[in-house]
């Protein structure tokens, strides 16, 4: 009967970063962001009831290019950067930031509320 309240990336999350990665020739994408329907089905399949899921947009805007690149390096591109030699990482982040065009990350948040078992 416990309640689950959670938020994570949802379908369409960081789509502008994914497009920027493609623009710099990076075809490897480590993410899968579920739709609200997928999340509902998964929770119900695992015994959750009274499931509510929804998506909403959020935007992160950065004041400076340095802030954007630091955020990309430490929050968004970690898995991509691990695949590169250390010496190539700063240039990769710089090229992704260039490809973004503006210092904005477009987030889509997946919100989930559900009850464990029968309430």
PDB file of N, CA and C in Angstrom:
ATOM      1  N   UNK A   1       0.790  -1.208   0.000  1.00  0.00           N
ATOM      2  CA  UNK A   1       0.000   0.000   0.000  1.00  0.00           C
ATOM      3  C   UNK A   1       0.830   1.270   0.000  1.00  0.00           C
ATOM      4  N   UNK A   2       2.138   1.147  -0.083  1.00  0.00           N
ATOM      5  CA  UNK A   2       2.976   2.348  -0.114  1.00  0.00           C
ATOM      6  C   UNK A   2       2.809   3.112  -1.408  1.00  0.00           C
ATOM      7  N   UNK A   3       3.084   4.399  -1.365  1.00  0.00           N
ATOM      8  CA  UNK A   3       2.934   5.226  -2.551  1.00  0.00           C
ATOM      9  C   UNK A   3       4.286   5.501  -3.199  1.00  0.00           C
ATOM     10  N   UNK A   4       4.311   5.375  -4.519  1.00  0.00           N
ATOM     11  CA  UNK A   4       5.476   5.731  -5.337  1.00  0.00           C
ATOM     12  C   UNK A   4       5.204   7.103  -5.938  1.00  0.00           C
ATOM     13  N   UNK A   5       6.118   8.015  -5.733  1.00  0.00           N
ATOM     14  CA  UNK A   5       6.078   9.321  -6.389  1.00  0.00           C
ATOM     15  C   UNK A   5       7.478   9.529  -6.958  1.00  0.00           C
ATOM     16  N   UNK A   6       7.570   9.619  -8.280  1.00  0.00           N
ATOM     17  CA  UNK A   6       8.896   9.706  -8.899  1.00  0.00           C
ATOM     18  C   UNK A   6       8.850  10.577 -10.150  1.00  0.00           C
ATOM     19  N   UNK A   7      10.013  11.090 -10.508  1.00  0.00           N
ATOM     20  CA  UNK A   7      10.165  11.859 -11.736  1.00  0.00           C
ATOM     21  C   UNK A   7      11.497  11.487 -12.366  1.00  0.00           C
ATOM     22  N   UNK A   8      11.490  11.374 -13.687  1.00  0.00           N
ATOM     23  CA  UNK A   8      12.718  11.088 -14.442  1.00  0.00           C
ATOM     24  C   UNK A   8      12.537  11.639 -15.845  1.00  0.00           C
ATOM     25  N   UNK A   9      13.518  11.412 -16.696  1.00  0.00           N
ATOM     26  CA  UNK A   9      13.400  11.828 -18.079  1.00  0.00           C
ATOM     27  C   UNK A   9      12.328  11.036 -18.790  1.00  0.00           C
ATOM     28  N   UNK A  10      11.545  11.714 -19.623  1.00  0.00           N
ATOM     29  CA  UNK A  10      10.495  11.071 -20.390  1.00  0.00           C
ATOM     30  C   UNK A  10      10.729  11.223 -21.884  1.00  0.00           C
ATOM     31  N   UNK A  11       9.869  10.608 -22.671  1.00  0.00           N
ATOM     32  CA  UNK A  11       9.992  10.614 -24.129  1.00  0.00           C
ATOM     33  C   UNK A  11      10.214  12.032 -24.654  1.00  0.00           C
ATOM     34  N   UNK A  12      11.257  12.208 -25.430  1.00  0.00           N
ATOM     35  CA  UNK A  12      11.613  13.517 -25.964  1.00  0.00           C
ATOM     36  C   UNK A  12      12.621  14.275 -25.115  1.00  0.00           C
ATOM     37  N   UNK A  13      13.010  13.693 -23.974  1.00  0.00           N
ATOM     38  CA  UNK A  13      13.966  14.360 -23.095  1.00  0.00           C
ATOM     39  C   UNK A  13      15.285  14.602 -23.825  1.00  0.00           C
ATOM     40  N   UNK A  14      15.867  15.726 -23.604  1.00  0.00           N
ATOM     41  CA  UNK A  14      17.142  16.189 -24.182  1.00  0.00           C
ATOM     42  C   UNK A  14      17.229  15.970 -25.703  1.00  0.00           C
ATOM     43  N   UNK A  15      16.088  16.108 -26.380  1.00  0.00           N
ATOM     44  CA  UNK A  15      16.067  15.891 -27.834  1.00  0.00           C
ATOM     45  C   UNK A  15      17.011  16.837 -28.558  1.00  0.00           C
ATOM     46  N   UNK A  16      17.162  18.057 -28.056  1.00  0.00           N
ATOM     47  CA  UNK A  16      18.086  18.971 -28.731  1.00  0.00           C
ATOM     48  C   UNK A  16      19.539  18.539 -28.545  1.00  0.00           C
ATOM     49  N   UNK A  17      19.847  17.888 -27.446  1.00  0.00           N
ATOM     50  CA  UNK A  17      21.196  17.365 -27.250  1.00  0.00           C
ATOM     51  C   UNK A  17      21.413  16.153 -28.163  1.00  0.00           C
ATOM     52  N   UNK A  18      20.415  15.296 -28.280  1.00  0.00           N
ATOM     53  CA  UNK A  18      20.509  14.143 -29.179  1.00  0.00           C
ATOM     54  C   UNK A  18      20.737  14.623 -30.610  1.00  0.00           C
ATOM     55  N   UNK A  19      20.030  15.665 -31.030  1.00  0.00           N
ATOM     56  CA  UNK A  19      20.223  16.227 -32.366  1.00  0.00           C
ATOM     57  C   UNK A  19      21.617  16.820 -32.515  1.00  0.00           C
ATOM     58  N   UNK A  20      22.114  17.484 -31.475  1.00  0.00           N
ATOM     59  CA  UNK A  20      23.469  18.051 -31.522  1.00  0.00           C
ATOM     60  C   UNK A  20      24.510  16.946 -31.615  1.00  0.00           C
ATOM     61  N   UNK A  21      24.299  15.863 -30.880  1.00  0.00           N
ATOM     62  CA  UNK A  21      25.220  14.728 -30.974  1.00  0.00           C
ATOM     63  C   UNK A  21      25.258  14.180 -32.396  1.00  0.00           C
ATOM     64  N   UNK A  22      24.096  14.024 -32.998  1.00  0.00           N
ATOM     65  CA  UNK A  22      24.038  13.537 -34.385  1.00  0.00           C
ATOM     66  C   UNK A  22      24.757  14.498 -35.330  1.00  0.00           C
ATOM     67  N   UNK A  23      24.609  15.796 -35.076  1.00  0.00           N
ATOM     68  CA  UNK A  23      25.246  16.805 -35.928  1.00  0.00           C
ATOM     69  C   UNK A  23      26.765  16.737 -35.876  1.00  0.00           C
ATOM     70  N   UNK A  24      27.324  16.267 -34.745  1.00  0.00           N
ATOM     71  CA  UNK A  24      28.785  16.150 -34.650  1.00  0.00           C
ATOM     72  C   UNK A  24      29.260  14.735 -34.986  1.00  0.00           C
ATOM     73  N   UNK A  25      28.338  13.907 -35.478  1.00  0.00           N
ATOM     74  CA  UNK A  25      28.717  12.564 -35.927  1.00  0.00           C
ATOM     75  C   UNK A  25      28.640  11.484 -34.865  1.00  0.00           C
ATOM     76  N   UNK A  26      28.094  11.794 -33.702  1.00  0.00           N
ATOM     77  CA  UNK A  26      27.955  10.799 -32.632  1.00  0.00           C
ATOM     78  C   UNK A  26      26.636  10.069 -32.829  1.00  0.00           C
ATOM     79  N   UNK A  27      26.716   8.804 -33.178  1.00  0.00           N
ATOM     80  CA  UNK A  27      25.505   8.024 -33.430  1.00  0.00           C
ATOM     81  C   UNK A  27      25.096   7.182 -32.229  1.00  0.00           C
ATOM     82  N   UNK A  28      25.977   7.044 -31.243  1.00  0.00           N
ATOM     83  CA  UNK A  28      25.667   6.236 -30.063  1.00  0.00           C
ATOM     84  C   UNK A  28      24.824   7.060 -29.106  1.00  0.00           C
ATOM     85  N   UNK A  29      23.703   6.526 -28.712  1.00  0.00           N
ATOM     86  CA  UNK A  29      22.780   7.215 -27.812  1.00  0.00           C
ATOM     87  C   UNK A  29      22.511   6.286 -26.633  1.00  0.00           C
ATOM     88  N   UNK A  30      22.942   6.643 -25.419  1.00  0.00           N
ATOM     89  CA  UNK A  30      22.802   5.745 -24.276  1.00  0.00           C
ATOM     90  C   UNK A  30      21.425   5.774 -23.612  1.00  0.00           C
ATOM     91  N   UNK A  31      20.508   6.590 -24.117  1.00  0.00           N
ATOM     92  CA  UNK A  31      19.260   6.818 -23.399  1.00  0.00           C
ATOM     93  C   UNK A  31      18.058   6.129 -24.029  1.00  0.00           C
ATOM     94  N   UNK A  32      17.135   5.754 -23.171  1.00  0.00           N
ATOM     95  CA  UNK A  32      15.769   5.407 -23.584  1.00  0.00           C
ATOM     96  C   UNK A  32      14.841   6.103 -22.608  1.00  0.00           C
ATOM     97  N   UNK A  33      14.036   6.999 -23.115  1.00  0.00           N
ATOM     98  CA  UNK A  33      13.099   7.732 -22.278  1.00  0.00           C
ATOM     99  C   UNK A  33      11.692   7.249 -22.604  1.00  0.00           C
ATOM    100  N   UNK A  34      11.015   6.736 -21.600  1.00  0.00           N
ATOM    101  CA  UNK A  34       9.700   6.137 -21.784  1.00  0.00           C
ATOM    102  C   UNK A  34       8.618   7.191 -21.986  1.00  0.00           C
ATOM    103  N   UNK A  35       7.566   6.778 -22.690  1.00  0.00           N
ATOM    104  CA  UNK A  35       6.356   7.587 -22.771  1.00  0.00           C
ATOM    105  C   UNK A  35       5.568   7.386 -21.484  1.00  0.00           C
ATOM    106  N   UNK A  36       4.585   8.235 -21.266  1.00  0.00           N
ATOM    107  CA  UNK A  36       3.716   8.065 -20.103  1.00  0.00           C
ATOM    108  C   UNK A  36       2.994   6.718 -20.185  1.00  0.00           C
ATOM    109  N   UNK A  37       2.574   6.325 -21.376  1.00  0.00           N
ATOM    110  CA  UNK A  37       1.895   5.041 -21.540  1.00  0.00           C
ATOM    111  C   UNK A  37       2.785   3.858 -21.219  1.00  0.00           C
ATOM    112  N   UNK A  38       4.038   3.913 -21.672  1.00  0.00           N
ATOM    113  CA  UNK A  38       4.977   2.835 -21.349  1.00  0.00           C
ATOM    114  C   UNK A  38       5.174   2.727 -19.841  1.00  0.00           C
ATOM    115  N   UNK A  39       5.335   3.869 -19.179  1.00  0.00           N
ATOM    116  CA  UNK A  39       5.537   3.854 -17.729  1.00  0.00           C
ATOM    117  C   UNK A  39       4.308   3.295 -17.019  1.00  0.00           C
ATOM    118  N   UNK A  40       3.130   3.687 -17.461  1.00  0.00           N
ATOM    119  CA  UNK A  40       1.894   3.168 -16.866  1.00  0.00           C
ATOM    120  C   UNK A  40       1.841   1.657 -17.007  1.00  0.00           C
ATOM    121  N   UNK A  41       2.127   1.158 -18.193  1.00  0.00           N
ATOM    122  CA  UNK A  41       2.077  -0.289 -18.433  1.00  0.00           C
ATOM    123  C   UNK A  41       3.098  -1.040 -17.587  1.00  0.00           C
ATOM    124  N   UNK A  42       4.299  -0.498 -17.462  1.00  0.00           N
ATOM    125  CA  UNK A  42       5.333  -1.158 -16.663  1.00  0.00           C
ATOM    126  C   UNK A  42       4.959  -1.196 -15.178  1.00  0.00           C
ATOM    127  N   UNK A  43       4.460  -0.091 -14.678  1.00  0.00           N
ATOM    128  CA  UNK A  43       4.072  -0.058 -13.271  1.00  0.00           C
ATOM    129  C   UNK A  43       2.916  -1.018 -13.001  1.00  0.00           C
ATOM    130  N   UNK A  44       1.921  -1.006 -13.865  1.00  0.00           N
ATOM    131  CA  UNK A  44       0.775  -1.915 -13.691  1.00  0.00           C
ATOM    132  C   UNK A  44       1.218  -3.374 -13.780  1.00  0.00           C
ATOM    133  N   UNK A  45       2.143  -3.671 -14.682  1.00  0.00           N
ATOM    134  CA  UNK A  45       2.630  -5.048 -14.840  1.00  0.00           C
ATOM    135  C   UNK A  45       3.369  -5.535 -13.597  1.00  0.00           C
ATOM    136  N   UNK A  46       3.857  -4.608 -12.794  1.00  0.00           N
ATOM    137  CA  UNK A  46       4.575  -4.969 -11.568  1.00  0.00           C
ATOM    138  C   UNK A  46       3.722  -4.787 -10.318  1.00  0.00           C
ATOM    139  N   UNK A  47       2.423  -4.738 -10.513  1.00  0.00           N
ATOM    140  CA  UNK A  47       1.513  -4.758  -9.378  1.00  0.00           C
ATOM    141  C   UNK A  47       1.103  -3.417  -8.812  1.00  0.00           C
ATOM    142  N   UNK A  48       1.525  -2.330  -9.421  1.00  0.00           N
ATOM    143  CA  UNK A  48       1.108  -1.020  -8.923  1.00  0.00           C
ATOM    144  C   UNK A  48      -0.327  -0.735  -9.368  1.00  0.00           C
ATOM    145  N   UNK A  49      -1.056  -0.017  -8.531  1.00  0.00           N
ATOM    146  CA  UNK A  49      -2.431   0.366  -8.841  1.00  0.00           C
ATOM    147  C   UNK A  49      -2.548   1.881  -8.759  1.00  0.00           C
ATOM    148  N   UNK A  50      -3.712   2.384  -9.129  1.00  0.00           N
ATOM    149  CA  UNK A  50      -3.964   3.833  -9.109  1.00  0.00           C
ATOM    150  C   UNK A  50      -2.815   4.590  -9.768  1.00  0.00           C
ATOM    151  N   UNK A  51      -2.362   4.076 -10.899  1.00  0.00           N
ATOM    152  CA  UNK A  51      -1.193   4.633 -11.596  1.00  0.00           C
ATOM    153  C   UNK A  51      -1.604   5.895 -12.367  1.00  0.00           C
ATOM    154  N   UNK A  52      -0.833   6.960 -12.152  1.00  0.00           N
ATOM    155  CA  UNK A  52      -0.973   8.186 -12.950  1.00  0.00           C
ATOM    156  C   UNK A  52       0.409   8.556 -13.466  1.00  0.00           C
ATOM    157  N   UNK A  53       0.499   8.796 -14.743  1.00  0.00           N
ATOM    158  CA  UNK A  53       1.768   9.233 -15.336  1.00  0.00           C
ATOM    159  C   UNK A  53       1.481  10.363 -16.307  1.00  0.00           C
ATOM    160  N   UNK A  54       2.413  11.288 -16.417  1.00  0.00           N
ATOM    161  CA  UNK A  54       2.267  12.377 -17.365  1.00  0.00           C
ATOM    162  C   UNK A  54       3.640  12.975 -17.651  1.00  0.00           C
ATOM    163  N   UNK A  55       3.722  13.624 -18.802  1.00  0.00           N
ATOM    164  CA  UNK A  55       4.946  14.299 -19.231  1.00  0.00           C
ATOM    165  C   UNK A  55       4.746  15.804 -19.121  1.00  0.00           C
ATOM    166  N   UNK A  56       5.818  16.515 -18.807  1.00  0.00           N
ATOM    167  CA  UNK A  56       5.788  17.971 -18.923  1.00  0.00           C
ATOM    168  C   UNK A  56       7.177  18.471 -19.326  1.00  0.00           C
ATOM    169  N   UNK A  57       7.181  19.584 -20.045  1.00  0.00           N
ATOM    170  CA  UNK A  57       8.418  20.182 -20.543  1.00  0.00           C
ATOM    171  C   UNK A  57       9.043  21.087 -19.490  1.00  0.00           C
ATOM    172  N   UNK A  58      10.360  21.058 -19.440  1.00  0.00           N
ATOM    173  CA  UNK A  58      11.135  21.996 -18.636  1.00  0.00           C
ATOM    174  C   UNK A  58      12.339  22.405 -19.471  1.00  0.00           C
ATOM    175  N   UNK A  59      12.792  23.608 -19.277  1.00  0.00           N
ATOM    176  CA  UNK A  59      13.945  24.100 -20.019  1.00  0.00           C
ATOM    177  C   UNK A  59      15.004  24.576 -19.031  1.00  0.00           C
ATOM    178  N   UNK A  60      16.236  24.189 -19.290  1.00  0.00           N
ATOM    179  CA  UNK A  60      17.367  24.689 -18.514  1.00  0.00           C
ATOM    180  C   UNK A  60      18.136  25.656 -19.415  1.00  0.00           C
ATOM    181  N   UNK A  61      18.253  26.886 -18.965  1.00  0.00           N
ATOM    182  CA  UNK A  61      18.953  27.918 -19.732  1.00  0.00           C
ATOM    183  C   UNK A  61      20.207  28.315 -18.961  1.00  0.00           C
ATOM    184  N   UNK A  62      21.298  28.463 -19.675  1.00  0.00           N
ATOM    185  CA  UNK A  62      22.586  28.753 -19.054  1.00  0.00           C
ATOM    186  C   UNK A  62      23.025  30.157 -19.421  1.00  0.00           C
ATOM    187  N   UNK A  63      23.569  30.853 -18.434  1.00  0.00           N
ATOM    188  CA  UNK A  63      23.994  32.241 -18.606  1.00  0.00           C
ATOM    189  C   UNK A  63      25.217  32.354 -19.512  1.00  0.00           C
ATOM    190  N   UNK A  64      26.148  31.418 -19.365  1.00  0.00           N
ATOM    191  CA  UNK A  64      27.394  31.509 -20.127  1.00  0.00           C
ATOM    192  C   UNK A  64      27.684  30.197 -20.853  1.00  0.00           C
ATOM    193  N   UNK A  65      28.518  30.299 -21.837  1.00  0.00           N
ATOM    194  CA  UNK A  65      28.956  29.123 -22.578  1.00  0.00           C
ATOM    195  C   UNK A  65      29.703  28.167 -21.651  1.00  0.00           C
ATOM    196  N   UNK A  66      30.500  28.722 -20.735  1.00  0.00           N
ATOM    197  CA  UNK A  66      31.254  27.894 -19.800  1.00  0.00           C
ATOM    198  C   UNK A  66      30.305  27.075 -18.920  1.00  0.00           C
ATOM    199  N   UNK A  67      29.229  27.685 -18.435  1.00  0.00           N
ATOM    200  CA  UNK A  67      28.242  26.951 -17.623  1.00  0.00           C
ATOM    201  C   UNK A  67      27.596  25.826 -18.433  1.00  0.00           C
ATOM    202  N   UNK A  68      27.255  26.112 -19.680  1.00  0.00           N
ATOM    203  CA  UNK A  68      26.652  25.093 -20.542  1.00  0.00           C
ATOM    204  C   UNK A  68      27.607  23.926 -20.730  1.00  0.00           C
ATOM    205  N   UNK A  69      28.851  24.216 -21.078  1.00  0.00           N
ATOM    206  CA  UNK A  69      29.814  23.145 -21.323  1.00  0.00           C
ATOM    207  C   UNK A  69      30.094  22.343 -20.052  1.00  0.00           C
ATOM    208  N   UNK A  70      30.151  23.002 -18.908  1.00  0.00           N
ATOM    209  CA  UNK A  70      30.360  22.279 -17.652  1.00  0.00           C
ATOM    210  C   UNK A  70      29.176  21.350 -17.371  1.00  0.00           C
ATOM    211  N   UNK A  71      27.962  21.845 -17.606  1.00  0.00           N
ATOM    212  CA  UNK A  71      26.767  21.033 -17.392  1.00  0.00           C
ATOM    213  C   UNK A  71      26.743  19.846 -18.353  1.00  0.00           C
ATOM    214  N   UNK A  72      27.040  20.101 -19.622  1.00  0.00           N
ATOM    215  CA  UNK A  72      27.103  19.005 -20.595  1.00  0.00           C
ATOM    216  C   UNK A  72      28.112  17.955 -20.144  1.00  0.00           C
ATOM    217  N   UNK A  73      29.278  18.402 -19.701  1.00  0.00           N
ATOM    218  CA  UNK A  73      30.351  17.483 -19.295  1.00  0.00           C
ATOM    219  C   UNK A  73      29.986  16.651 -18.081  1.00  0.00           C
ATOM    220  N   UNK A  74      29.358  17.276 -17.103  1.00  0.00           N
ATOM    221  CA  UNK A  74      29.155  16.602 -15.818  1.00  0.00           C
ATOM    222  C   UNK A  74      27.798  15.943 -15.656  1.00  0.00           C
ATOM    223  N   UNK A  75      26.793  16.403 -16.415  1.00  0.00           N
ATOM    224  CA  UNK A  75      25.439  15.890 -16.208  1.00  0.00           C
ATOM    225  C   UNK A  75      24.916  15.108 -17.410  1.00  0.00           C
ATOM    226  N   UNK A  76      25.116  15.619 -18.608  1.00  0.00           N
ATOM    227  CA  UNK A  76      24.460  15.048 -19.779  1.00  0.00           C
ATOM    228  C   UNK A  76      25.333  14.047 -20.538  1.00  0.00           C
ATOM    229  N   UNK A  77      26.567  14.381 -20.784  1.00  0.00           N
ATOM    230  CA  UNK A  77      27.388  13.607 -21.730  1.00  0.00           C
ATOM    231  C   UNK A  77      28.334  12.608 -21.080  1.00  0.00           C
ATOM    232  N   UNK A  78      28.171  12.318 -19.806  1.00  0.00           N
ATOM    233  CA  UNK A  78      29.113  11.437 -19.114  1.00  0.00           C
ATOM    234  C   UNK A  78      29.361  10.118 -19.814  1.00  0.00           C
ATOM    235  N   UNK A  79      28.304   9.427 -20.222  1.00  0.00           N
ATOM    236  CA  UNK A  79      28.469   8.126 -20.875  1.00  0.00           C
ATOM    237  C   UNK A  79      29.168   8.273 -22.220  1.00  0.00           C
ATOM    238  N   UNK A  80      28.874   9.348 -22.947  1.00  0.00           N
ATOM    239  CA  UNK A  80      29.544   9.576 -24.233  1.00  0.00           C
ATOM    240  C   UNK A  80      31.020   9.873 -24.026  1.00  0.00           C
ATOM    241  N   UNK A  81      31.314  10.675 -23.001  1.00  0.00           N
ATOM    242  CA  UNK A  81      32.703  11.058 -22.764  1.00  0.00           C
ATOM    243  C   UNK A  81      33.556   9.883 -22.310  1.00  0.00           C
ATOM    244  N   UNK A  82      32.968   8.964 -21.566  1.00  0.00           N
ATOM    245  CA  UNK A  82      33.718   7.786 -21.108  1.00  0.00           C
ATOM    246  C   UNK A  82      34.217   6.949 -22.274  1.00  0.00           C
ATOM    247  N   UNK A  83      33.571   7.046 -23.400  1.00  0.00           N
ATOM    248  CA  UNK A  83      33.959   6.274 -24.582  1.00  0.00           C
ATOM    249  C   UNK A  83      35.122   6.912 -25.344  1.00  0.00           C
ATOM    250  N   UNK A  84      35.493   8.123 -24.943  1.00  0.00           N
ATOM    251  CA  UNK A  84      36.556   8.853 -25.644  1.00  0.00           C
ATOM    252  C   UNK A  84      37.820   8.917 -24.805  1.00  0.00           C
ATOM    253  N   UNK A  85      38.979   9.015 -25.453  1.00  0.00           N
ATOM    254  CA  UNK A  85      40.204   9.292 -24.703  1.00  0.00           C
ATOM    255  C   UNK A  85      40.076  10.652 -24.012  1.00  0.00           C
ATOM    256  N   UNK A  86      40.652  10.782 -22.842  1.00  0.00           N
ATOM    257  CA  UNK A  86      40.535  11.996 -22.038  1.00  0.00           C
ATOM    258  C   UNK A  86      40.923  13.251 -22.817  1.00  0.00           C
ATOM    259  N   UNK A  87      41.925  13.165 -23.639  1.00  0.00           N
ATOM    260  CA  UNK A  87      42.399  14.333 -24.380  1.00  0.00           C
ATOM    261  C   UNK A  87      41.375  14.840 -25.397  1.00  0.00           C
ATOM    262  N   UNK A  88      40.458  13.986 -25.847  1.00  0.00           N
ATOM    263  CA  UNK A  88      39.464  14.366 -26.857  1.00  0.00           C
ATOM    264  C   UNK A  88      38.167  14.910 -26.248  1.00  0.00           C
ATOM    265  N   UNK A  89      37.990  14.754 -24.970  1.00  0.00           N
ATOM    266  CA  UNK A  89      36.712  15.090 -24.330  1.00  0.00           C
ATOM    267  C   UNK A  89      36.372  16.578 -24.385  1.00  0.00           C
ATOM    268  N   UNK A  90      37.288  17.496 -24.047  1.00  0.00           N
ATOM    269  CA  UNK A  90      36.924  18.916 -24.089  1.00  0.00           C
ATOM    270  C   UNK A  90      36.474  19.379 -25.478  1.00  0.00           C
ATOM    271  N   UNK A  91      37.171  18.944 -26.521  1.00  0.00           N
ATOM    272  CA  UNK A  91      36.782  19.330 -27.878  1.00  0.00           C
ATOM    273  C   UNK A  91      35.412  18.764 -28.234  1.00  0.00           C
ATOM    274  N   UNK A  92      35.129  17.531 -27.828  1.00  0.00           N
ATOM    275  CA  UNK A  92      33.829  16.917 -28.094  1.00  0.00           C
ATOM    276  C   UNK A  92      32.719  17.749 -27.452  1.00  0.00           C
ATOM    277  N   UNK A  93      32.896  18.125 -26.191  1.00  0.00           N
ATOM    278  CA  UNK A  93      31.892  18.931 -25.482  1.00  0.00           C
ATOM    279  C   UNK A  93      31.717  20.274 -26.194  1.00  0.00           C
ATOM    280  N   UNK A  94      32.812  20.875 -26.608  1.00  0.00           N
ATOM    281  CA  UNK A  94      32.764  22.159 -27.306  1.00  0.00           C
ATOM    282  C   UNK A  94      31.968  22.029 -28.607  1.00  0.00           C
ATOM    283  N   UNK A  95      32.208  20.964 -29.358  1.00  0.00           N
ATOM    284  CA  UNK A  95      31.494  20.763 -30.628  1.00  0.00           C
ATOM    285  C   UNK A  95      29.999  20.520 -30.395  1.00  0.00           C
ATOM    286  N   UNK A  96      29.662  19.775 -29.354  1.00  0.00           N
ATOM    287  CA  UNK A  96      28.246  19.553 -29.034  1.00  0.00           C
ATOM    288  C   UNK A  96      27.591  20.881 -28.651  1.00  0.00           C
ATOM    289  N   UNK A  97      28.274  21.679 -27.842  1.00  0.00           N
ATOM    290  CA  UNK A  97      27.733  22.990 -27.459  1.00  0.00           C
ATOM    291  C   UNK A  97      27.544  23.876 -28.688  1.00  0.00           C
ATOM    292  N   UNK A  98      28.497  23.849 -29.620  1.00  0.00           N
ATOM    293  CA  UNK A  98      28.346  24.600 -30.869  1.00  0.00           C
ATOM    294  C   UNK A  98      27.106  24.132 -31.631  1.00  0.00           C
ATOM    295  N   UNK A  99      26.917  22.830 -31.704  1.00  0.00           N
ATOM    296  CA  UNK A  99      25.795  22.270 -32.456  1.00  0.00           C
ATOM    297  C   UNK A  99      24.448  22.589 -31.809  1.00  0.00           C
ATOM    298  N   UNK A 100      24.435  22.801 -30.502  1.00  0.00           N
ATOM    299  CA  UNK A 100      23.178  23.186 -29.839  1.00  0.00           C
ATOM    300  C   UNK A 100      22.696  24.549 -30.336  1.00  0.00           C
ATOM    301  N   UNK A 101      23.636  25.429 -30.603  1.00  0.00           N
ATOM    302  CA  UNK A 101      23.271  26.732 -31.130  1.00  0.00           C
ATOM    303  C   UNK A 101      22.855  27.748 -30.088  1.00  0.00           C
ATOM    304  N   UNK A 102      22.184  27.324 -29.054  1.00  0.00           N
ATOM    305  CA  UNK A 102      21.789  28.220 -27.972  1.00  0.00           C
ATOM    306  C   UNK A 102      22.036  27.512 -26.650  1.00  0.00           C
ATOM    307  N   UNK A 103      22.280  28.254 -25.582  1.00  0.00           N
ATOM    308  CA  UNK A 103      22.633  27.628 -24.303  1.00  0.00           C
ATOM    309  C   UNK A 103      21.406  27.124 -23.539  1.00  0.00           C
ATOM    310  N   UNK A 104      20.686  26.195 -24.180  1.00  0.00           N
ATOM    311  CA  UNK A 104      19.439  25.677 -23.615  1.00  0.00           C
ATOM    312  C   UNK A 104      19.421  24.156 -23.744  1.00  0.00           C
ATOM    313  N   UNK A 105      18.966  23.491 -22.693  1.00  0.00           N
ATOM    314  CA  UNK A 105      18.707  22.054 -22.728  1.00  0.00           C
ATOM    315  C   UNK A 105      17.200  21.881 -22.560  1.00  0.00           C
ATOM    316  N   UNK A 106      16.596  21.177 -23.485  1.00  0.00           N
ATOM    317  CA  UNK A 106      15.154  20.934 -23.425  1.00  0.00           C
ATOM    318  C   UNK A 106      14.897  19.597 -22.732  1.00  0.00           C
ATOM    319  N   UNK A 107      14.338  19.700 -21.542  1.00  0.00           N
ATOM    320  CA  UNK A 107      13.997  18.509 -20.777  1.00  0.00           C
ATOM    321  C   UNK A 107      12.521  18.173 -20.957  1.00  0.00           C
ATOM    322  N   UNK A 108      12.214  16.881 -20.932  1.00  0.00           N
ATOM    323  CA  UNK A 108      10.846  16.393 -20.810  1.00  0.00           C
ATOM    324  C   UNK A 108      10.857  15.494 -19.587  1.00  0.00           C
ATOM    325  N   UNK A 109      10.040  15.824 -18.606  1.00  0.00           N
ATOM    326  CA  UNK A 109      10.003  15.076 -17.354  1.00  0.00           C
ATOM    327  C   UNK A 109       8.823  14.111 -17.370  1.00  0.00           C
ATOM    328  N   UNK A 110       9.083  12.881 -16.950  1.00  0.00           N
ATOM    329  CA  UNK A 110       8.055  11.863 -16.781  1.00  0.00           C
ATOM    330  C   UNK A 110       7.731  11.787 -15.295  1.00  0.00           C
ATOM    331  N   UNK A 111       6.507  12.088 -14.956  1.00  0.00           N
ATOM    332  CA  UNK A 111       6.048  12.067 -13.568  1.00  0.00           C
ATOM    333  C   UNK A 111       5.216  10.801 -13.351  1.00  0.00           C
ATOM    334  N   UNK A 112       5.437  10.157 -12.211  1.00  0.00           N
ATOM    335  CA  UNK A 112       4.732   8.914 -11.910  1.00  0.00           C
ATOM    336  C   UNK A 112       4.238   8.948 -10.481  1.00  0.00           C
ATOM    337  N   UNK A 113       2.972   8.578 -10.299  1.00  0.00           N
ATOM    338  CA  UNK A 113       2.375   8.404  -8.982  1.00  0.00           C
ATOM    339  C   UNK A 113       1.622   7.091  -9.034  1.00  0.00           C
ATOM    340  N   UNK A 114       1.866   6.215  -8.067  1.00  0.00           N
ATOM    341  CA  UNK A 114       1.215   4.908  -8.062  1.00  0.00           C
ATOM    342  C   UNK A 114       1.207   4.349  -6.646  1.00  0.00           C
ATOM    343  N   UNK A 115       0.383   3.345  -6.443  1.00  0.00           N
ATOM    344  CA  UNK A 115       0.280   2.675  -5.155  1.00  0.00           C
ATOM    345  C   UNK A 115       0.784   1.252  -5.322  1.00  0.00           C
ATOM    346  N   UNK A 116       1.641   0.826  -4.408  1.00  0.00           N
ATOM    347  CA  UNK A 116       2.190  -0.548  -4.446  1.00  0.00           C
ATOM    348  C   UNK A 116       1.116  -1.518  -3.971  1.00  0.00           C
ATOM    349  N   UNK A 117       0.820  -2.502  -4.804  1.00  0.00           N
ATOM    350  CA  UNK A 117      -0.170  -3.507  -4.425  1.00  0.00           C
ATOM    351  C   UNK A 117      -1.553  -2.940  -4.299  1.00  0.00           C
ATOM    352  N   UNK A 118      -2.393  -3.582  -3.535  1.00  0.00           N
ATOM    353  CA  UNK A 118      -3.777  -3.136  -3.333  1.00  0.00           C
ATOM    354  C   UNK A 118      -3.853  -2.179  -2.164  1.00  0.00           C
ATOM    355  N   UNK A 119      -4.444  -1.038  -2.402  1.00  0.00           N
ATOM    356  CA  UNK A 119      -4.571  -0.025  -1.341  1.00  0.00           C
ATOM    357  C   UNK A 119      -5.994  -0.013  -0.815  1.00  0.00           C
TER     358      UNK A 119
END
